Amino acid sequence: MEVHTVLGRGFLESVYHEALCIELEKRNIPYERNKVLYVYYKDIQLKKTFEADVVAYGHIIVELKAFEGSLDAHHGQLINYLSATKHVMGLLVNFGMPSLQYKRFIVSKNMRHL
């Protein structure tokens, strides 16, 4: 929230990404930026990987957006990332609106087969 309060909206996602990492460091929150995550298919690790914008505390995928509109269209993206990487918690954040939008996701083991 601090990043959105200071910068407002209108910047590229990369600006918010850098500012968020500065804020995480200031608050001593452990994180990895542009972390490469492995994708799994039926418990088999694929060669294909993807980069998470931020992984906080070693297990929370944080996906950043900077667009005008609803987060609803991006829910599936984060849920797929969580399911395919065996992470269970995620945060989708949109800096592109007048008020910061965010949504927390938790994927249960039962959802992994979907």
PDB file of N, CA and C in Angstrom:
ATOM      1  N   MET A   1       0.820  -1.187   0.000  1.00  0.00           N
ATOM      2  CA  MET A   1       0.000   0.000   0.000  1.00  0.00           C
ATOM      3  C   MET A   1       0.868   1.255   0.000  1.00  0.00           C
ATOM      4  N   GLU A   2       1.991   1.183   0.667  1.00  0.00           N
ATOM      5  CA  GLU A   2       2.878   2.340   0.748  1.00  0.00           C
ATOM      6  C   GLU A   2       3.369   2.746  -0.644  1.00  0.00           C
ATOM      7  N   VAL A   3       3.695   1.780  -1.467  1.00  0.00           N
ATOM      8  CA  VAL A   3       4.181   2.076  -2.823  1.00  0.00           C
ATOM      9  C   VAL A   3       3.112   2.814  -3.616  1.00  0.00           C
ATOM     10  N   HIS A   4       1.878   2.355  -3.542  1.00  0.00           N
ATOM     11  CA  HIS A   4       0.791   3.006  -4.270  1.00  0.00           C
ATOM     12  C   HIS A   4       0.523   4.396  -3.701  1.00  0.00           C
ATOM     13  N   THR A   5       0.599   4.545  -2.395  1.00  0.00           N
ATOM     14  CA  THR A   5       0.380   5.843  -1.761  1.00  0.00           C
ATOM     15  C   THR A   5       1.420   6.862  -2.240  1.00  0.00           C
ATOM     16  N   VAL A   6       2.665   6.446  -2.330  1.00  0.00           N
ATOM     17  CA  VAL A   6       3.742   7.365  -2.711  1.00  0.00           C
ATOM     18  C   VAL A   6       3.749   7.631  -4.217  1.00  0.00           C
ATOM     19  N   LEU A   7       3.625   6.588  -5.039  1.00  0.00           N
ATOM     20  CA  LEU A   7       3.740   6.748  -6.487  1.00  0.00           C
ATOM     21  C   LEU A   7       2.424   7.032  -7.190  1.00  0.00           C
ATOM     22  N   GLY A   8       1.315   6.607  -6.591  1.00  0.00           N
ATOM     23  CA  GLY A   8       0.041   6.734  -7.281  1.00  0.00           C
ATOM     24  C   GLY A   8      -0.021   5.769  -8.456  1.00  0.00           C
ATOM     25  N   ARG A   9      -0.875   6.059  -9.420  1.00  0.00           N
ATOM     26  CA  ARG A   9      -0.987   5.179 -10.585  1.00  0.00           C
ATOM     27  C   ARG A   9      -0.379   5.860 -11.795  1.00  0.00           C
ATOM     28  N   GLY A  10      -0.184   5.073 -12.863  1.00  0.00           N
ATOM     29  CA  GLY A  10       0.284   5.648 -14.115  1.00  0.00           C
ATOM     30  C   GLY A  10       1.676   5.232 -14.544  1.00  0.00           C
ATOM     31  N   PHE A  11       2.393   4.510 -13.696  1.00  0.00           N
ATOM     32  CA  PHE A  11       3.728   4.053 -14.065  1.00  0.00           C
ATOM     33  C   PHE A  11       3.665   2.643 -14.656  1.00  0.00           C
ATOM     34  N   LEU A  12       4.749   2.241 -15.274  1.00  0.00           N
ATOM     35  CA  LEU A  12       4.870   0.874 -15.761  1.00  0.00           C
ATOM     36  C   LEU A  12       5.029  -0.079 -14.578  1.00  0.00           C
ATOM     37  N   GLU A  13       4.683  -1.319 -14.823  1.00  0.00           N
ATOM     38  CA  GLU A  13       4.805  -2.346 -13.787  1.00  0.00           C
ATOM     39  C   GLU A  13       6.226  -2.410 -13.222  1.00  0.00           C
ATOM     40  N   SER A  14       7.223  -2.231 -14.069  1.00  0.00           N
ATOM     41  CA  SER A  14       8.619  -2.330 -13.632  1.00  0.00           C
ATOM     42  C   SER A  14       8.969  -1.271 -12.573  1.00  0.00           C
ATOM     43  N   VAL A  15       8.342  -0.110 -12.631  1.00  0.00           N
ATOM     44  CA  VAL A  15       8.578   0.934 -11.628  1.00  0.00           C
ATOM     45  C   VAL A  15       8.029   0.483 -10.276  1.00  0.00           C
ATOM     46  N   TYR A  16       6.822  -0.042 -10.278  1.00  0.00           N
ATOM     47  CA  TYR A  16       6.223  -0.529  -9.030  1.00  0.00           C
ATOM     48  C   TYR A  16       7.004  -1.716  -8.478  1.00  0.00           C
ATOM     49  N   HIS A  17       7.492  -2.557  -9.364  1.00  0.00           N
ATOM     50  CA  HIS A  17       8.282  -3.724  -8.969  1.00  0.00           C
ATOM     51  C   HIS A  17       9.522  -3.276  -8.190  1.00  0.00           C
ATOM     52  N   GLU A  18      10.236  -2.321  -8.761  1.00  0.00           N
ATOM     53  CA  GLU A  18      11.451  -1.837  -8.100  1.00  0.00           C
ATOM     54  C   GLU A  18      11.131  -1.157  -6.770  1.00  0.00           C
ATOM     55  N   ALA A  19      10.086  -0.337  -6.760  1.00  0.00           N
ATOM     56  CA  ALA A  19       9.704   0.357  -5.526  1.00  0.00           C
ATOM     57  C   ALA A  19       9.252  -0.627  -4.451  1.00  0.00           C
ATOM     58  N   LEU A  20       8.505  -1.658  -4.853  1.00  0.00           N
ATOM     59  CA  LEU A  20       8.064  -2.663  -3.883  1.00  0.00           C
ATOM     60  C   LEU A  20       9.261  -3.378  -3.264  1.00  0.00           C
ATOM     61  N   CYS A  21      10.243  -3.701  -4.059  1.00  0.00           N
ATOM     62  CA  CYS A  21      11.430  -4.376  -3.528  1.00  0.00           C
ATOM     63  C   CYS A  21      12.175  -3.488  -2.535  1.00  0.00           C
ATOM     64  N   ILE A  22      12.227  -2.199  -2.815  1.00  0.00           N
ATOM     65  CA  ILE A  22      12.839  -1.266  -1.862  1.00  0.00           C
ATOM     66  C   ILE A  22      12.055  -1.267  -0.553  1.00  0.00           C
ATOM     67  N   GLU A  23      10.741  -1.237  -0.653  1.00  0.00           N
ATOM     68  CA  GLU A  23       9.889  -1.231   0.544  1.00  0.00           C
ATOM     69  C   GLU A  23      10.032  -2.529   1.338  1.00  0.00           C
ATOM     70  N   LEU A  24      10.110  -3.658   0.652  1.00  0.00           N
ATOM     71  CA  LEU A  24      10.290  -4.938   1.334  1.00  0.00           C
ATOM     72  C   LEU A  24      11.617  -4.962   2.084  1.00  0.00           C
ATOM     73  N   GLU A  25      12.666  -4.445   1.459  1.00  0.00           N
ATOM     74  CA  GLU A  25      13.971  -4.390   2.125  1.00  0.00           C
ATOM     75  C   GLU A  25      13.917  -3.499   3.361  1.00  0.00           C
ATOM     76  N   LYS A  26      13.291  -2.335   3.241  1.00  0.00           N
ATOM     77  CA  LYS A  26      13.189  -1.414   4.371  1.00  0.00           C
ATOM     78  C   LYS A  26      12.462  -2.049   5.548  1.00  0.00           C
ATOM     79  N   ARG A  27      11.538  -2.933   5.248  1.00  0.00           N
ATOM     80  CA  ARG A  27      10.740  -3.568   6.305  1.00  0.00           C
ATOM     81  C   ARG A  27      11.301  -4.930   6.716  1.00  0.00           C
ATOM     82  N   ASN A  28      12.473  -5.264   6.201  1.00  0.00           N
ATOM     83  CA  ASN A  28      13.135  -6.532   6.525  1.00  0.00           C
ATOM     84  C   ASN A  28      12.261  -7.741   6.208  1.00  0.00           C
ATOM     85  N   ILE A  29      11.528  -7.655   5.115  1.00  0.00           N
ATOM     86  CA  ILE A  29      10.712  -8.786   4.664  1.00  0.00           C
ATOM     87  C   ILE A  29      11.546  -9.585   3.674  1.00  0.00           C
ATOM     88  N   PRO A  30      11.791 -10.854   3.953  1.00  0.00           N
ATOM     89  CA  PRO A  30      12.596 -11.656   3.029  1.00  0.00           C
ATOM     90  C   PRO A  30      11.856 -11.873   1.714  1.00  0.00           C
ATOM     91  N   TYR A  31      12.574 -11.661   0.612  1.00  0.00           N
ATOM     92  CA  TYR A  31      11.954 -11.821  -0.711  1.00  0.00           C
ATOM     93  C   TYR A  31      13.029 -12.131  -1.742  1.00  0.00           C
ATOM     94  N   GLU A  32      12.583 -12.652  -2.859  1.00  0.00           N
ATOM     95  CA  GLU A  32      13.439 -12.856  -4.018  1.00  0.00           C
ATOM     96  C   GLU A  32      12.743 -12.209  -5.202  1.00  0.00           C
ATOM     97  N   ARG A  33      13.497 -11.448  -5.951  1.00  0.00           N
ATOM     98  CA  ARG A  33      12.970 -10.727  -7.106  1.00  0.00           C
ATOM     99  C   ARG A  33      13.208 -11.556  -8.363  1.00  0.00           C
ATOM    100  N   ASN A  34      12.207 -11.585  -9.255  1.00  0.00           N
ATOM    101  CA  ASN A  34      12.318 -12.326 -10.521  1.00  0.00           C
ATOM    102  C   ASN A  34      12.782 -13.761 -10.289  1.00  0.00           C
ATOM    103  N   LYS A  35      12.195 -14.391  -9.320  1.00  0.00           N
ATOM    104  CA  LYS A  35      12.590 -15.760  -8.945  1.00  0.00           C
ATOM    105  C   LYS A  35      12.104 -16.765  -9.989  1.00  0.00           C
ATOM    106  N   VAL A  36      13.016 -17.573 -10.446  1.00  0.00           N
ATOM    107  CA  VAL A  36      12.684 -18.637 -11.388  1.00  0.00           C
ATOM    108  C   VAL A  36      12.007 -19.762 -10.616  1.00  0.00           C
ATOM    109  N   LEU A  37      10.819 -20.131 -11.081  1.00  0.00           N
ATOM    110  CA  LEU A  37      10.073 -21.209 -10.451  1.00  0.00           C
ATOM    111  C   LEU A  37       9.878 -22.353 -11.434  1.00  0.00           C
ATOM    112  N   TYR A  38       9.975 -23.556 -10.927  1.00  0.00           N
ATOM    113  CA  TYR A  38       9.799 -24.732 -11.766  1.00  0.00           C
ATOM    114  C   TYR A  38       8.326 -25.079 -11.887  1.00  0.00           C
ATOM    115  N   VAL A  39       7.966 -25.561 -13.033  1.00  0.00           N
ATOM    116  CA  VAL A  39       6.591 -25.957 -13.321  1.00  0.00           C
ATOM    117  C   VAL A  39       6.515 -27.476 -13.282  1.00  0.00           C
ATOM    118  N   TYR A  40       5.434 -27.991 -12.704  1.00  0.00           N
ATOM    119  CA  TYR A  40       5.253 -29.436 -12.580  1.00  0.00           C
ATOM    120  C   TYR A  40       4.002 -29.887 -13.326  1.00  0.00           C
ATOM    121  N   TYR A  41       4.116 -31.046 -13.928  1.00  0.00           N
ATOM    122  CA  TYR A  41       2.985 -31.706 -14.566  1.00  0.00           C
ATOM    123  C   TYR A  41       2.917 -33.114 -14.011  1.00  0.00           C
ATOM    124  N   LYS A  42       1.836 -33.427 -13.301  1.00  0.00           N
ATOM    125  CA  LYS A  42       1.676 -34.741 -12.670  1.00  0.00           C
ATOM    126  C   LYS A  42       2.912 -35.126 -11.851  1.00  0.00           C
ATOM    127  N   ASP A  43       3.349 -34.205 -11.022  1.00  0.00           N
ATOM    128  CA  ASP A  43       4.508 -34.388 -10.149  1.00  0.00           C
ATOM    129  C   ASP A  43       5.828 -34.564 -10.884  1.00  0.00           C
ATOM    130  N   ILE A  44       5.876 -34.247 -12.174  1.00  0.00           N
ATOM    131  CA  ILE A  44       7.118 -34.302 -12.946  1.00  0.00           C
ATOM    132  C   ILE A  44       7.545 -32.870 -13.243  1.00  0.00           C
ATOM    133  N   GLN A  45       8.784 -32.548 -12.867  1.00  0.00           N
ATOM    134  CA  GLN A  45       9.289 -31.196 -13.115  1.00  0.00           C
ATOM    135  C   GLN A  45       9.555 -31.017 -14.605  1.00  0.00           C
ATOM    136  N   LEU A  46       8.968 -29.988 -15.181  1.00  0.00           N
ATOM    137  CA  LEU A  46       9.172 -29.679 -16.590  1.00  0.00           C
ATOM    138  C   LEU A  46      10.441 -28.860 -16.788  1.00  0.00           C
ATOM    139  N   LYS A  47      10.942 -28.838 -17.998  1.00  0.00           N
ATOM    140  CA  LYS A  47      12.092 -27.999 -18.319  1.00  0.00           C
ATOM    141  C   LYS A  47      11.689 -26.526 -18.367  1.00  0.00           C
ATOM    142  N   LYS A  48      10.447 -26.283 -18.697  1.00  0.00           N
ATOM    143  CA  LYS A  48       9.935 -24.922 -18.784  1.00  0.00           C
ATOM    144  C   LYS A  48       9.785 -24.325 -17.388  1.00  0.00           C
ATOM    145  N   THR A  49      10.219 -23.109 -17.223  1.00  0.00           N
ATOM    146  CA  THR A  49      10.104 -22.394 -15.955  1.00  0.00           C
ATOM    147  C   THR A  49       9.392 -21.061 -16.205  1.00  0.00           C
ATOM    148  N   PHE A  50       9.090 -20.346 -15.153  1.00  0.00           N
ATOM    149  CA  PHE A  50       8.621 -18.980 -15.295  1.00  0.00           C
ATOM    150  C   PHE A  50       9.196 -18.158 -14.163  1.00  0.00           C
ATOM    151  N   GLU A  51       9.204 -16.854 -14.348  1.00  0.00           N
ATOM    152  CA  GLU A  51       9.729 -15.945 -13.340  1.00  0.00           C
ATOM    153  C   GLU A  51       8.584 -15.295 -12.583  1.00  0.00           C
ATOM    154  N   ALA A  52       8.574 -15.471 -11.300  1.00  0.00           N
ATOM    155  CA  ALA A  52       7.618 -14.768 -10.455  1.00  0.00           C
ATOM    156  C   ALA A  52       8.158 -13.363 -10.215  1.00  0.00           C
ATOM    157  N   ASP A  53       7.287 -12.376 -10.213  1.00  0.00           N
ATOM    158  CA  ASP A  53       7.740 -11.012  -9.946  1.00  0.00           C
ATOM    159  C   ASP A  53       8.475 -10.960  -8.616  1.00  0.00           C
ATOM    160  N   VAL A  54       7.842 -11.489  -7.587  1.00  0.00           N
ATOM    161  CA  VAL A  54       8.422 -11.524  -6.243  1.00  0.00           C
ATOM    162  C   VAL A  54       7.951 -12.799  -5.566  1.00  0.00           C
ATOM    163  N   VAL A  55       8.834 -13.427  -4.820  1.00  0.00           N
ATOM    164  CA  VAL A  55       8.438 -14.504  -3.909  1.00  0.00           C
ATOM    165  C   VAL A  55       8.848 -14.037  -2.521  1.00  0.00           C
ATOM    166  N   ALA A  56       7.852 -13.837  -1.657  1.00  0.00           N
ATOM    167  CA  ALA A  56       8.093 -13.344  -0.306  1.00  0.00           C
ATOM    168  C   ALA A  56       8.070 -14.503   0.688  1.00  0.00           C
ATOM    169  N   TYR A  57       8.903 -14.396   1.688  1.00  0.00           N
ATOM    170  CA  TYR A  57       8.993 -15.405   2.740  1.00  0.00           C
ATOM    171  C   TYR A  57       9.261 -16.804   2.190  1.00  0.00           C
ATOM    172  N   GLY A  58       9.795 -16.898   0.997  1.00  0.00           N
ATOM    173  CA  GLY A  58      10.155 -18.179   0.409  1.00  0.00           C
ATOM    174  C   GLY A  58       9.015 -18.979  -0.177  1.00  0.00           C
ATOM    175  N   HIS A  59       7.761 -18.503  -0.003  1.00  0.00           N
ATOM    176  CA  HIS A  59       6.657 -19.329  -0.492  1.00  0.00           C
ATOM    177  C   HIS A  59       5.430 -18.562  -0.991  1.00  0.00           C
ATOM    178  N   ILE A  60       5.427 -17.251  -0.908  1.00  0.00           N
ATOM    179  CA  ILE A  60       4.275 -16.472  -1.370  1.00  0.00           C
ATOM    180  C   ILE A  60       4.603 -15.823  -2.712  1.00  0.00           C
ATOM    181  N   ILE A  61       3.920 -16.250  -3.767  1.00  0.00           N
ATOM    182  CA  ILE A  61       4.126 -15.656  -5.087  1.00  0.00           C
ATOM    183  C   ILE A  61       3.361 -14.340  -5.145  1.00  0.00           C
ATOM    184  N   VAL A  62       4.069 -13.269  -5.488  1.00  0.00           N
ATOM    185  CA  VAL A  62       3.448 -11.949  -5.630  1.00  0.00           C
ATOM    186  C   VAL A  62       3.513 -11.569  -7.100  1.00  0.00           C
ATOM    187  N   GLU A  63       2.361 -11.438  -7.710  1.00  0.00           N
ATOM    188  CA  GLU A  63       2.242 -11.082  -9.127  1.00  0.00           C
ATOM    189  C   GLU A  63       1.775  -9.639  -9.214  1.00  0.00           C
ATOM    190  N   LEU A  64       2.563  -8.799  -9.873  1.00  0.00           N
ATOM    191  CA  LEU A  64       2.274  -7.373  -9.963  1.00  0.00           C
ATOM    192  C   LEU A  64       1.658  -7.021 -11.302  1.00  0.00           C
ATOM    193  N   LYS A  65       0.732  -6.086 -11.272  1.00  0.00           N
ATOM    194  CA  LYS A  65       0.084  -5.567 -12.472  1.00  0.00           C
ATOM    195  C   LYS A  65       0.018  -4.048 -12.354  1.00  0.00           C
ATOM    196  N   ALA A  66      -0.111  -3.381 -13.503  1.00  0.00           N
ATOM    197  CA  ALA A  66      -0.276  -1.927 -13.535  1.00  0.00           C
ATOM    198  C   ALA A  66      -1.185  -1.599 -14.714  1.00  0.00           C
ATOM    199  N   PHE A  67      -2.478  -1.799 -14.541  1.00  0.00           N
ATOM    200  CA  PHE A  67      -3.426  -1.572 -15.626  1.00  0.00           C
ATOM    201  C   PHE A  67      -4.734  -1.038 -15.048  1.00  0.00           C
ATOM    202  N   GLU A  68      -5.517  -0.410 -15.896  1.00  0.00           N
ATOM    203  CA  GLU A  68      -6.841   0.048 -15.473  1.00  0.00           C
ATOM    204  C   GLU A  68      -7.831  -1.069 -15.734  1.00  0.00           C
ATOM    205  N   GLY A  69      -8.528  -1.485 -14.726  1.00  0.00           N
ATOM    206  CA  GLY A  69      -9.518  -2.539 -14.876  1.00  0.00           C
ATOM    207  C   GLY A  69      -9.527  -3.471 -13.691  1.00  0.00           C
ATOM    208  N   SER A  70     -10.370  -4.461 -13.786  1.00  0.00           N
ATOM    209  CA  SER A  70     -10.587  -5.410 -12.704  1.00  0.00           C
ATOM    210  C   SER A  70      -9.509  -6.486 -12.685  1.00  0.00           C
ATOM    211  N   LEU A  71      -9.210  -6.964 -11.500  1.00  0.00           N
ATOM    212  CA  LEU A  71      -8.256  -8.066 -11.336  1.00  0.00           C
ATOM    213  C   LEU A  71      -8.836  -9.410 -11.769  1.00  0.00           C
ATOM    214  N   ASP A  72     -10.144  -9.476 -11.943  1.00  0.00           N
ATOM    215  CA  ASP A  72     -10.809 -10.743 -12.232  1.00  0.00           C
ATOM    216  C   ASP A  72     -10.176 -11.497 -13.397  1.00  0.00           C
ATOM    217  N   ALA A  73      -9.778 -10.793 -14.436  1.00  0.00           N
ATOM    218  CA  ALA A  73      -9.211 -11.451 -15.618  1.00  0.00           C
ATOM    219  C   ALA A  73      -7.854 -12.089 -15.337  1.00  0.00           C
ATOM    220  N   HIS A  74      -7.212 -11.723 -14.234  1.00  0.00           N
ATOM    221  CA  HIS A  74      -5.875 -12.226 -13.921  1.00  0.00           C
ATOM    222  C   HIS A  74      -5.871 -13.277 -12.817  1.00  0.00           C
ATOM    223  N   HIS A  75      -7.034 -13.574 -12.255  1.00  0.00           N
ATOM    224  CA  HIS A  75      -7.118 -14.592 -11.199  1.00  0.00           C
ATOM    225  C   HIS A  75      -6.572 -15.923 -11.686  1.00  0.00           C
ATOM    226  N   GLY A  76      -7.005 -16.336 -12.872  1.00  0.00           N
ATOM    227  CA  GLY A  76      -6.595 -17.629 -13.412  1.00  0.00           C
ATOM    228  C   GLY A  76      -5.099 -17.753 -13.567  1.00  0.00           C
ATOM    229  N   GLN A  77      -4.456 -16.661 -13.961  1.00  0.00           N
ATOM    230  CA  GLN A  77      -3.004 -16.679 -14.136  1.00  0.00           C
ATOM    231  C   GLN A  77      -2.311 -17.038 -12.827  1.00  0.00           C
ATOM    232  N   LEU A  78      -2.667 -16.377 -11.758  1.00  0.00           N
ATOM    233  CA  LEU A  78      -2.008 -16.652 -10.485  1.00  0.00           C
ATOM    234  C   LEU A  78      -2.370 -18.029  -9.946  1.00  0.00           C
ATOM    235  N   ILE A  79      -3.607 -18.421 -10.088  1.00  0.00           N
ATOM    236  CA  ILE A  79      -4.008 -19.760  -9.636  1.00  0.00           C
ATOM    237  C   ILE A  79      -3.229 -20.831 -10.402  1.00  0.00           C
ATOM    238  N   ASN A  80      -3.066 -20.646 -11.704  1.00  0.00           N
ATOM    239  CA  ASN A  80      -2.273 -21.595 -12.499  1.00  0.00           C
ATOM    240  C   ASN A  80      -0.818 -21.608 -12.042  1.00  0.00           C
ATOM    241  N   TYR A  81      -0.243 -20.440 -11.778  1.00  0.00           N
ATOM    242  CA  TYR A  81       1.132 -20.378 -11.288  1.00  0.00           C
ATOM    243  C   TYR A  81       1.268 -21.151  -9.982  1.00  0.00           C
ATOM    244  N   LEU A  82       0.317 -20.944  -9.086  1.00  0.00           N
ATOM    245  CA  LEU A  82       0.375 -21.635  -7.799  1.00  0.00           C
ATOM    246  C   LEU A  82       0.264 -23.144  -7.983  1.00  0.00           C
ATOM    247  N   SER A  83      -0.694 -23.573  -8.752  1.00  0.00           N
ATOM    248  CA  SER A  83      -0.909 -25.005  -8.956  1.00  0.00           C
ATOM    249  C   SER A  83       0.270 -25.663  -9.648  1.00  0.00           C
ATOM    250  N   ALA A  84       0.796 -25.008 -10.664  1.00  0.00           N
ATOM    251  CA  ALA A  84       1.866 -25.615 -11.464  1.00  0.00           C
ATOM    252  C   ALA A  84       3.212 -25.612 -10.752  1.00  0.00           C
ATOM    253  N   THR A  85       3.388 -24.756  -9.764  1.00  0.00           N
ATOM    254  CA  THR A  85       4.680 -24.669  -9.082  1.00  0.00           C
ATOM    255  C   THR A  85       4.676 -25.286  -7.692  1.00  0.00           C
ATOM    256  N   LYS A  86       3.536 -25.775  -7.268  1.00  0.00           N
ATOM    257  CA  LYS A  86       3.377 -26.374  -5.946  1.00  0.00           C
ATOM    258  C   LYS A  86       3.476 -25.358  -4.811  1.00  0.00           C
ATOM    259  N   HIS A  87       3.359 -24.072  -5.125  1.00  0.00           N
ATOM    260  CA  HIS A  87       3.228 -23.049  -4.088  1.00  0.00           C
ATOM    261  C   HIS A  87       1.752 -22.984  -3.711  1.00  0.00           C
ATOM    262  N   VAL A  88       1.454 -22.582  -2.498  1.00  0.00           N
ATOM    263  CA  VAL A  88       0.050 -22.577  -2.085  1.00  0.00           C
ATOM    264  C   VAL A  88      -0.509 -21.182  -1.810  1.00  0.00           C
ATOM    265  N   MET A  89       0.360 -20.193  -1.676  1.00  0.00           N
ATOM    266  CA  MET A  89      -0.119 -18.837  -1.386  1.00  0.00           C
ATOM    267  C   MET A  89       0.360 -17.864  -2.443  1.00  0.00           C
ATOM    268  N   GLY A  90      -0.547 -16.922  -2.788  1.00  0.00           N
ATOM    269  CA  GLY A  90      -0.193 -15.903  -3.762  1.00  0.00           C
ATOM    270  C   GLY A  90      -0.919 -14.606  -3.494  1.00  0.00           C
ATOM    271  N   LEU A  91      -0.359 -13.543  -4.029  1.00  0.00           N
ATOM    272  CA  LEU A  91      -0.942 -12.221  -3.905  1.00  0.00           C
ATOM    273  C   LEU A  91      -0.890 -11.557  -5.269  1.00  0.00           C
ATOM    274  N   LEU A  92      -2.045 -11.130  -5.743  1.00  0.00           N
ATOM    275  CA  LEU A  92      -2.165 -10.423  -7.013  1.00  0.00           C
ATOM    276  C   LEU A  92      -2.410  -8.959  -6.686  1.00  0.00           C
ATOM    277  N   VAL A  93      -1.538  -8.072  -7.195  1.00  0.00           N
ATOM    278  CA  VAL A  93      -1.598  -6.655  -6.843  1.00  0.00           C
ATOM    279  C   VAL A  93      -1.644  -5.820  -8.116  1.00  0.00           C
ATOM    280  N   ASN A  94      -2.593  -4.882  -8.167  1.00  0.00           N
ATOM    281  CA  ASN A  94      -2.716  -3.981  -9.313  1.00  0.00           C
ATOM    282  C   ASN A  94      -2.523  -2.540  -8.857  1.00  0.00           C
ATOM    283  N   PHE A  95      -1.472  -1.905  -9.381  1.00  0.00           N
ATOM    284  CA  PHE A  95      -1.159  -0.518  -9.047  1.00  0.00           C
ATOM    285  C   PHE A  95      -1.806   0.479 -10.009  1.00  0.00           C
ATOM    286  N   GLY A  96      -2.538   0.007 -11.019  1.00  0.00           N
ATOM    287  CA  GLY A  96      -3.029   0.869 -12.082  1.00  0.00           C
ATOM    288  C   GLY A  96      -4.353   1.562 -11.846  1.00  0.00           C
ATOM    289  N   MET A  97      -4.926   1.412 -10.686  1.00  0.00           N
ATOM    290  CA  MET A  97      -6.220   2.018 -10.384  1.00  0.00           C
ATOM    291  C   MET A  97      -6.047   3.120  -9.334  1.00  0.00           C
ATOM    292  N   PRO A  98      -7.051   4.008  -9.206  1.00  0.00           N
ATOM    293  CA  PRO A  98      -6.943   5.070  -8.204  1.00  0.00           C
ATOM    294  C   PRO A  98      -6.719   4.524  -6.789  1.00  0.00           C
ATOM    295  N   SER A  99      -7.352   3.401  -6.458  1.00  0.00           N
ATOM    296  CA  SER A  99      -7.108   2.711  -5.194  1.00  0.00           C
ATOM    297  C   SER A  99      -6.398   1.400  -5.498  1.00  0.00           C
ATOM    298  N   LEU A 100      -5.451   1.050  -4.669  1.00  0.00           N
ATOM    299  CA  LEU A 100      -4.714  -0.197  -4.866  1.00  0.00           C
ATOM    300  C   LEU A 100      -5.670  -1.381  -4.833  1.00  0.00           C
ATOM    301  N   GLN A 101      -5.542  -2.268  -5.816  1.00  0.00           N
ATOM    302  CA  GLN A 101      -6.326  -3.506  -5.835  1.00  0.00           C
ATOM    303  C   GLN A 101      -5.402  -4.656  -5.456  1.00  0.00           C
ATOM    304  N   TYR A 102      -5.905  -5.557  -4.648  1.00  0.00           N
ATOM    305  CA  TYR A 102      -5.122  -6.749  -4.324  1.00  0.00           C
ATOM    306  C   TYR A 102      -6.061  -7.871  -3.941  1.00  0.00           C
ATOM    307  N   LYS A 103      -5.569  -9.077  -4.175  1.00  0.00           N
ATOM    308  CA  LYS A 103      -6.352 -10.274  -3.848  1.00  0.00           C
ATOM    309  C   LYS A 103      -5.380 -11.352  -3.415  1.00  0.00           C
ATOM    310  N   ARG A 104      -5.705 -12.011  -2.311  1.00  0.00           N
ATOM    311  CA  ARG A 104      -4.887 -13.107  -1.788  1.00  0.00           C
ATOM    312  C   ARG A 104      -5.481 -14.423  -2.249  1.00  0.00           C
ATOM    313  N   PHE A 105      -4.625 -15.370  -2.589  1.00  0.00           N
ATOM    314  CA  PHE A 105      -5.047 -16.685  -3.041  1.00  0.00           C
ATOM    315  C   PHE A 105      -4.362 -17.756  -2.212  1.00  0.00           C
ATOM    316  N   ILE A 106      -5.130 -18.774  -1.897  1.00  0.00           N
ATOM    317  CA  ILE A 106      -4.588 -19.974  -1.264  1.00  0.00           C
ATOM    318  C   ILE A 106      -5.124 -21.152  -2.058  1.00  0.00           C
ATOM    319  N   VAL A 107      -4.233 -21.984  -2.541  1.00  0.00           N
ATOM    320  CA  VAL A 107      -4.630 -23.147  -3.341  1.00  0.00           C
ATOM    321  C   VAL A 107      -4.458 -24.390  -2.479  1.00  0.00           C
ATOM    322  N   SER A 108      -5.525 -25.146  -2.342  1.00  0.00           N
ATOM    323  CA  SER A 108      -5.461 -26.366  -1.546  1.00  0.00           C
ATOM    324  C   SER A 108      -4.948 -27.517  -2.400  1.00  0.00           C
ATOM    325  N   LYS A 109      -4.522 -28.569  -1.747  1.00  0.00           N
ATOM    326  CA  LYS A 109      -4.050 -29.761  -2.454  1.00  0.00           C
ATOM    327  C   LYS A 109      -5.154 -30.340  -3.340  1.00  0.00           C
ATOM    328  N   ASN A 110      -6.394 -30.197  -2.913  1.00  0.00           N
ATOM    329  CA  ASN A 110      -7.523 -30.735  -3.687  1.00  0.00           C
ATOM    330  C   ASN A 110      -7.696 -30.037  -5.028  1.00  0.00           C
ATOM    331  N   MET A 111      -7.237 -28.804  -5.159  1.00  0.00           N
ATOM    332  CA  MET A 111      -7.382 -28.059  -6.399  1.00  0.00           C
ATOM    333  C   MET A 111      -6.283 -28.381  -7.395  1.00  0.00           C
ATOM    334  N   ARG A 112      -5.228 -29.023  -6.962  1.00  0.00           N
ATOM    335  CA  ARG A 112      -4.071 -29.271  -7.829  1.00  0.00           C
ATOM    336  C   ARG A 112      -4.396 -30.126  -9.055  1.00  0.00           C
ATOM    337  N   HIS A 113      -5.393 -30.951  -8.972  1.00  0.00           N
ATOM    338  CA  HIS A 113      -5.690 -31.835 -10.104  1.00  0.00           C
ATOM    339  C   HIS A 113      -6.555 -31.149 -11.150  1.00  0.00           C
ATOM    340  N   LEU A 114      -7.057 -29.949 -10.906  1.00  0.00           N
ATOM    341  CA  LEU A 114      -7.920 -29.246 -11.851  1.00  0.00           C
ATOM    342  C   LEU A 114      -7.138 -28.734 -13.044  1.00  0.00           C
TER     343      LEU A 114
END
